[in-house]
Amino acid sequence: MDDDTGADAALLRRLANGDRAALADAFDRFAPTLVRSAWAVAASRQDVEEIVQDTFLTLWQQAATIDPATSALLPWLLVVCRDRARDQARRTERSADGRTQRGDRSRARRTKAVTHDEH
């Protein structure tokens, strides 16, 4: 077992036991890489922060299910981060689409009202 694998296993054990300091340690160790990864997809700093936060929340919630013998922690986190970034991009896109559609309907109502008033 190499140093990273051993460190991952110890960190995962601590996380699985509810050790909040382990979450802080994981954040210190992996956040810079996850932030860079999130920026590849995210549109804003706020999105990046949310993606990284969600990634660590998922780690906290699922630490007991991660087997360090079969899953290195950084690749696992990067997959979760990528998935959260894609989810965020879809939410942002849907939100923008919703605003556009609402704006179109609102303009249509105003146009209809103006047209109706002119007749």
C-alpha atoms as a PDB file:
ATOM      1  CA  MET A   1       0.000   0.000   0.000  1.00  0.00           C
ATOM      2  CA  ASP A   2       1.580   3.315  -1.045  1.00  0.00           C
ATOM      3  CA  ASP A   3       1.497   6.445   1.102  1.00  0.00           C
ATOM      4  CA  ASP A   4      -1.495   8.015  -0.672  1.00  0.00           C
ATOM      5  CA  THR A   5      -3.526   4.820  -0.483  1.00  0.00           C
ATOM      6  CA  GLY A   6      -2.722   4.433   3.199  1.00  0.00           C
ATOM      7  CA  ALA A   7      -3.544   8.075   3.852  1.00  0.00           C
ATOM      8  CA  ASP A   8      -6.802   7.706   1.909  1.00  0.00           C
ATOM      9  CA  ALA A   9      -7.764   4.620   3.908  1.00  0.00           C
ATOM     10  CA  ALA A  10      -7.040   6.337   7.217  1.00  0.00           C
ATOM     11  CA  LEU A  11      -8.929   9.439   6.135  1.00  0.00           C
ATOM     12  CA  LEU A  12     -11.921   7.390   4.993  1.00  0.00           C
ATOM     13  CA  ARG A  13     -11.993   5.499   8.299  1.00  0.00           C
ATOM     14  CA  ARG A  14     -12.013   8.781  10.178  1.00  0.00           C
ATOM     15  CA  LEU A  15     -14.750  10.182   7.941  1.00  0.00           C
ATOM     16  CA  ALA A  16     -16.833   7.030   8.291  1.00  0.00           C
ATOM     17  CA  ASN A  17     -16.556   7.413  12.065  1.00  0.00           C
ATOM     18  CA  GLY A  18     -17.932  10.946  11.859  1.00  0.00           C
ATOM     19  CA  ASP A  19     -14.646  12.730  12.513  1.00  0.00           C
ATOM     20  CA  ARG A  20     -15.277  16.316  11.404  1.00  0.00           C
ATOM     21  CA  ALA A  21     -11.581  17.117  11.550  1.00  0.00           C
ATOM     22  CA  ALA A  22     -11.121  14.455   8.868  1.00  0.00           C
ATOM     23  CA  LEU A  23     -13.462  16.402   6.620  1.00  0.00           C
ATOM     24  CA  ALA A  24     -11.348  19.511   7.166  1.00  0.00           C
ATOM     25  CA  ASP A  25      -8.238  17.466   6.384  1.00  0.00           C
ATOM     26  CA  ALA A  26      -9.835  16.136   3.205  1.00  0.00           C
ATOM     27  CA  PHE A  27     -10.811  19.654   2.222  1.00  0.00           C
ATOM     28  CA  ASP A  28      -7.293  20.968   2.775  1.00  0.00           C
ATOM     29  CA  ARG A  29      -5.837  18.103   0.786  1.00  0.00           C
ATOM     30  CA  PHE A  30      -8.230  17.932  -2.162  1.00  0.00           C
ATOM     31  CA  ALA A  31     -10.102  21.238  -2.505  1.00  0.00           C
ATOM     32  CA  PRO A  32      -7.540  22.992  -4.723  1.00  0.00           C
ATOM     33  CA  THR A  33      -7.717  20.181  -7.278  1.00  0.00           C
ATOM     34  CA  LEU A  34     -11.511  20.050  -7.116  1.00  0.00           C
ATOM     35  CA  VAL A  35     -11.784  23.814  -7.546  1.00  0.00           C
ATOM     36  CA  ARG A  36      -9.672  23.627 -10.709  1.00  0.00           C
ATOM     37  CA  SER A  37     -11.817  20.780 -11.971  1.00  0.00           C
ATOM     38  CA  ALA A  38     -15.067  22.614 -11.231  1.00  0.00           C
ATOM     39  CA  TRP A  39     -13.873  25.728 -13.057  1.00  0.00           C
ATOM     40  CA  ALA A  40     -13.657  23.631 -16.228  1.00  0.00           C
ATOM     41  CA  VAL A  41     -17.465  23.500 -16.279  1.00  0.00           C
ATOM     42  CA  ALA A  42     -18.798  26.159 -13.923  1.00  0.00           C
ATOM     43  CA  ALA A  43     -19.887  29.597 -15.019  1.00  0.00           C
ATOM     44  CA  SER A  44     -19.186  31.491 -11.809  1.00  0.00           C
ATOM     45  CA  ARG A  45     -17.234  31.450  -8.584  1.00  0.00           C
ATOM     46  CA  GLN A  46     -20.487  30.824  -6.726  1.00  0.00           C
ATOM     47  CA  ASP A  47     -21.115  27.742  -8.874  1.00  0.00           C
ATOM     48  CA  VAL A  48     -17.578  26.474  -8.222  1.00  0.00           C
ATOM     49  CA  GLU A  49     -18.011  26.912  -4.482  1.00  0.00           C
ATOM     50  CA  GLU A  50     -21.349  25.100  -4.547  1.00  0.00           C
ATOM     51  CA  ILE A  51     -19.954  22.245  -6.628  1.00  0.00           C
ATOM     52  CA  VAL A  52     -16.983  21.748  -4.320  1.00  0.00           C
ATOM     53  CA  GLN A  53     -19.181  22.014  -1.232  1.00  0.00           C
ATOM     54  CA  ASP A  54     -21.578  19.419  -2.651  1.00  0.00           C
ATOM     55  CA  THR A  55     -18.639  17.157  -3.472  1.00  0.00           C
ATOM     56  CA  PHE A  56     -17.397  17.225   0.109  1.00  0.00           C
ATOM     57  CA  LEU A  57     -20.914  16.752   1.441  1.00  0.00           C
ATOM     58  CA  THR A  58     -21.192  13.637  -0.710  1.00  0.00           C
ATOM     59  CA  LEU A  59     -17.845  12.433   0.625  1.00  0.00           C
ATOM     60  CA  TRP A  60     -19.065  12.968   4.182  1.00  0.00           C
ATOM     61  CA  GLN A  61     -22.298  11.111   3.503  1.00  0.00           C
ATOM     62  CA  GLN A  62     -20.760   8.217   1.578  1.00  0.00           C
ATOM     63  CA  ALA A  63     -17.352   7.758   3.206  1.00  0.00           C
ATOM     64  CA  ALA A  64     -18.369   4.468   4.789  1.00  0.00           C
ATOM     65  CA  THR A  65     -19.234   3.040   1.359  1.00  0.00           C
ATOM     66  CA  ILE A  66     -15.923   3.878  -0.316  1.00  0.00           C
ATOM     67  CA  ASP A  67     -13.440   1.013  -0.395  1.00  0.00           C
ATOM     68  CA  PRO A  68      -9.909   2.418  -0.472  1.00  0.00           C
ATOM     69  CA  ALA A  69      -8.661  -0.922  -1.784  1.00  0.00           C
ATOM     70  CA  THR A  70     -10.636  -0.437  -4.997  1.00  0.00           C
ATOM     71  CA  SER A  71     -11.182   3.331  -5.167  1.00  0.00           C
ATOM     72  CA  ALA A  72      -8.479   5.921  -4.738  1.00  0.00           C
ATOM     73  CA  LEU A  73      -9.983   8.945  -3.059  1.00  0.00           C
ATOM     74  CA  LEU A  74      -8.919  11.690  -5.477  1.00  0.00           C
ATOM     75  CA  PRO A  75     -10.342  10.002  -8.592  1.00  0.00           C
ATOM     76  CA  TRP A  76     -13.547   9.263  -6.658  1.00  0.00           C
ATOM     77  CA  LEU A  77     -13.808  12.911  -5.646  1.00  0.00           C
ATOM     78  CA  LEU A  78     -13.106  14.073  -9.195  1.00  0.00           C
ATOM     79  CA  VAL A  79     -15.929  11.921 -10.553  1.00  0.00           C
ATOM     80  CA  VAL A  80     -18.321  13.293  -7.936  1.00  0.00           C
ATOM     81  CA  CYS A  81     -17.127  16.830  -8.667  1.00  0.00           C
ATOM     82  CA  ARG A  82     -17.627  16.340 -12.404  1.00  0.00           C
ATOM     83  CA  ASP A  83     -21.126  14.991 -11.817  1.00  0.00           C
ATOM     84  CA  ARG A  84     -22.011  17.899  -9.517  1.00  0.00           C
ATOM     85  CA  ALA A  85     -20.610  20.359 -12.060  1.00  0.00           C
ATOM     86  CA  ARG A  86     -22.742  18.845 -14.802  1.00  0.00           C
ATOM     87  CA  ASP A  87     -25.796  18.969 -12.539  1.00  0.00           C
ATOM     88  CA  GLN A  88     -25.071  22.626 -11.799  1.00  0.00           C
ATOM     89  CA  ALA A  89     -24.649  23.409 -15.496  1.00  0.00           C
ATOM     90  CA  ARG A  90     -28.004  21.771 -16.253  1.00  0.00           C
ATOM     91  CA  ARG A  91     -29.696  23.719 -13.442  1.00  0.00           C
ATOM     92  CA  THR A  92     -28.188  26.955 -14.697  1.00  0.00           C
ATOM     93  CA  GLU A  93     -29.277  26.173 -18.243  1.00  0.00           C
ATOM     94  CA  ARG A  94     -32.818  25.293 -17.159  1.00  0.00           C
ATOM     95  CA  SER A  95     -32.991  28.416 -15.047  1.00  0.00           C
ATOM     96  CA  ALA A  96     -31.870  30.560 -17.970  1.00  0.00           C
ATOM     97  CA  ASP A  97     -34.329  28.789 -20.265  1.00  0.00           C
ATOM     98  CA  GLY A  98     -37.106  29.368 -17.749  1.00  0.00           C
ATOM     99  CA  ARG A  99     -36.299  33.061 -17.507  1.00  0.00           C
ATOM    100  CA  THR A 100     -36.252  33.308 -21.291  1.00  0.00           C
ATOM    101  CA  GLN A 101     -39.560  31.489 -21.630  1.00  0.00           C
ATOM    102  CA  ARG A 102     -41.158  33.579 -18.876  1.00  0.00           C
ATOM    103  CA  GLY A 103     -39.773  36.702 -20.526  1.00  0.00           C
ATOM    104  CA  ASP A 104     -41.169  35.617 -23.892  1.00  0.00           C
ATOM    105  CA  ARG A 105     -44.608  34.971 -22.381  1.00  0.00           C
ATOM    106  CA  SER A 106     -44.518  38.289 -20.560  1.00  0.00           C
ATOM    107  CA  ARG A 107     -43.560  40.146 -23.749  1.00  0.00           C
ATOM    108  CA  ALA A 108     -46.305  38.313 -25.625  1.00  0.00           C
ATOM    109  CA  ARG A 109     -48.888  39.381 -23.020  1.00  0.00           C
ATOM    110  CA  ARG A 110     -47.687  42.990 -23.153  1.00  0.00           C
ATOM    111  CA  THR A 111     -47.734  42.963 -26.945  1.00  0.00           C
ATOM    112  CA  LYS A 112     -51.205  41.459 -26.955  1.00  0.00           C
ATOM    113  CA  ALA A 113     -52.405  44.058 -24.444  1.00  0.00           C
ATOM    114  CA  VAL A 114     -50.928  46.919 -26.468  1.00  0.00           C
ATOM    115  CA  THR A 115     -52.377  45.524 -29.688  1.00  0.00           C
ATOM    116  CA  HIS A 116     -55.758  45.048 -28.008  1.00  0.00           C
ATOM    117  CA  ASP A 117     -55.726  48.615 -26.655  1.00  0.00           C
ATOM    118  CA  GLU A 118     -54.948  50.019 -30.090  1.00  0.00           C
ATOM    119  CA  HIS A 119     -58.074  48.464 -31.627  1.00  0.00           C
END
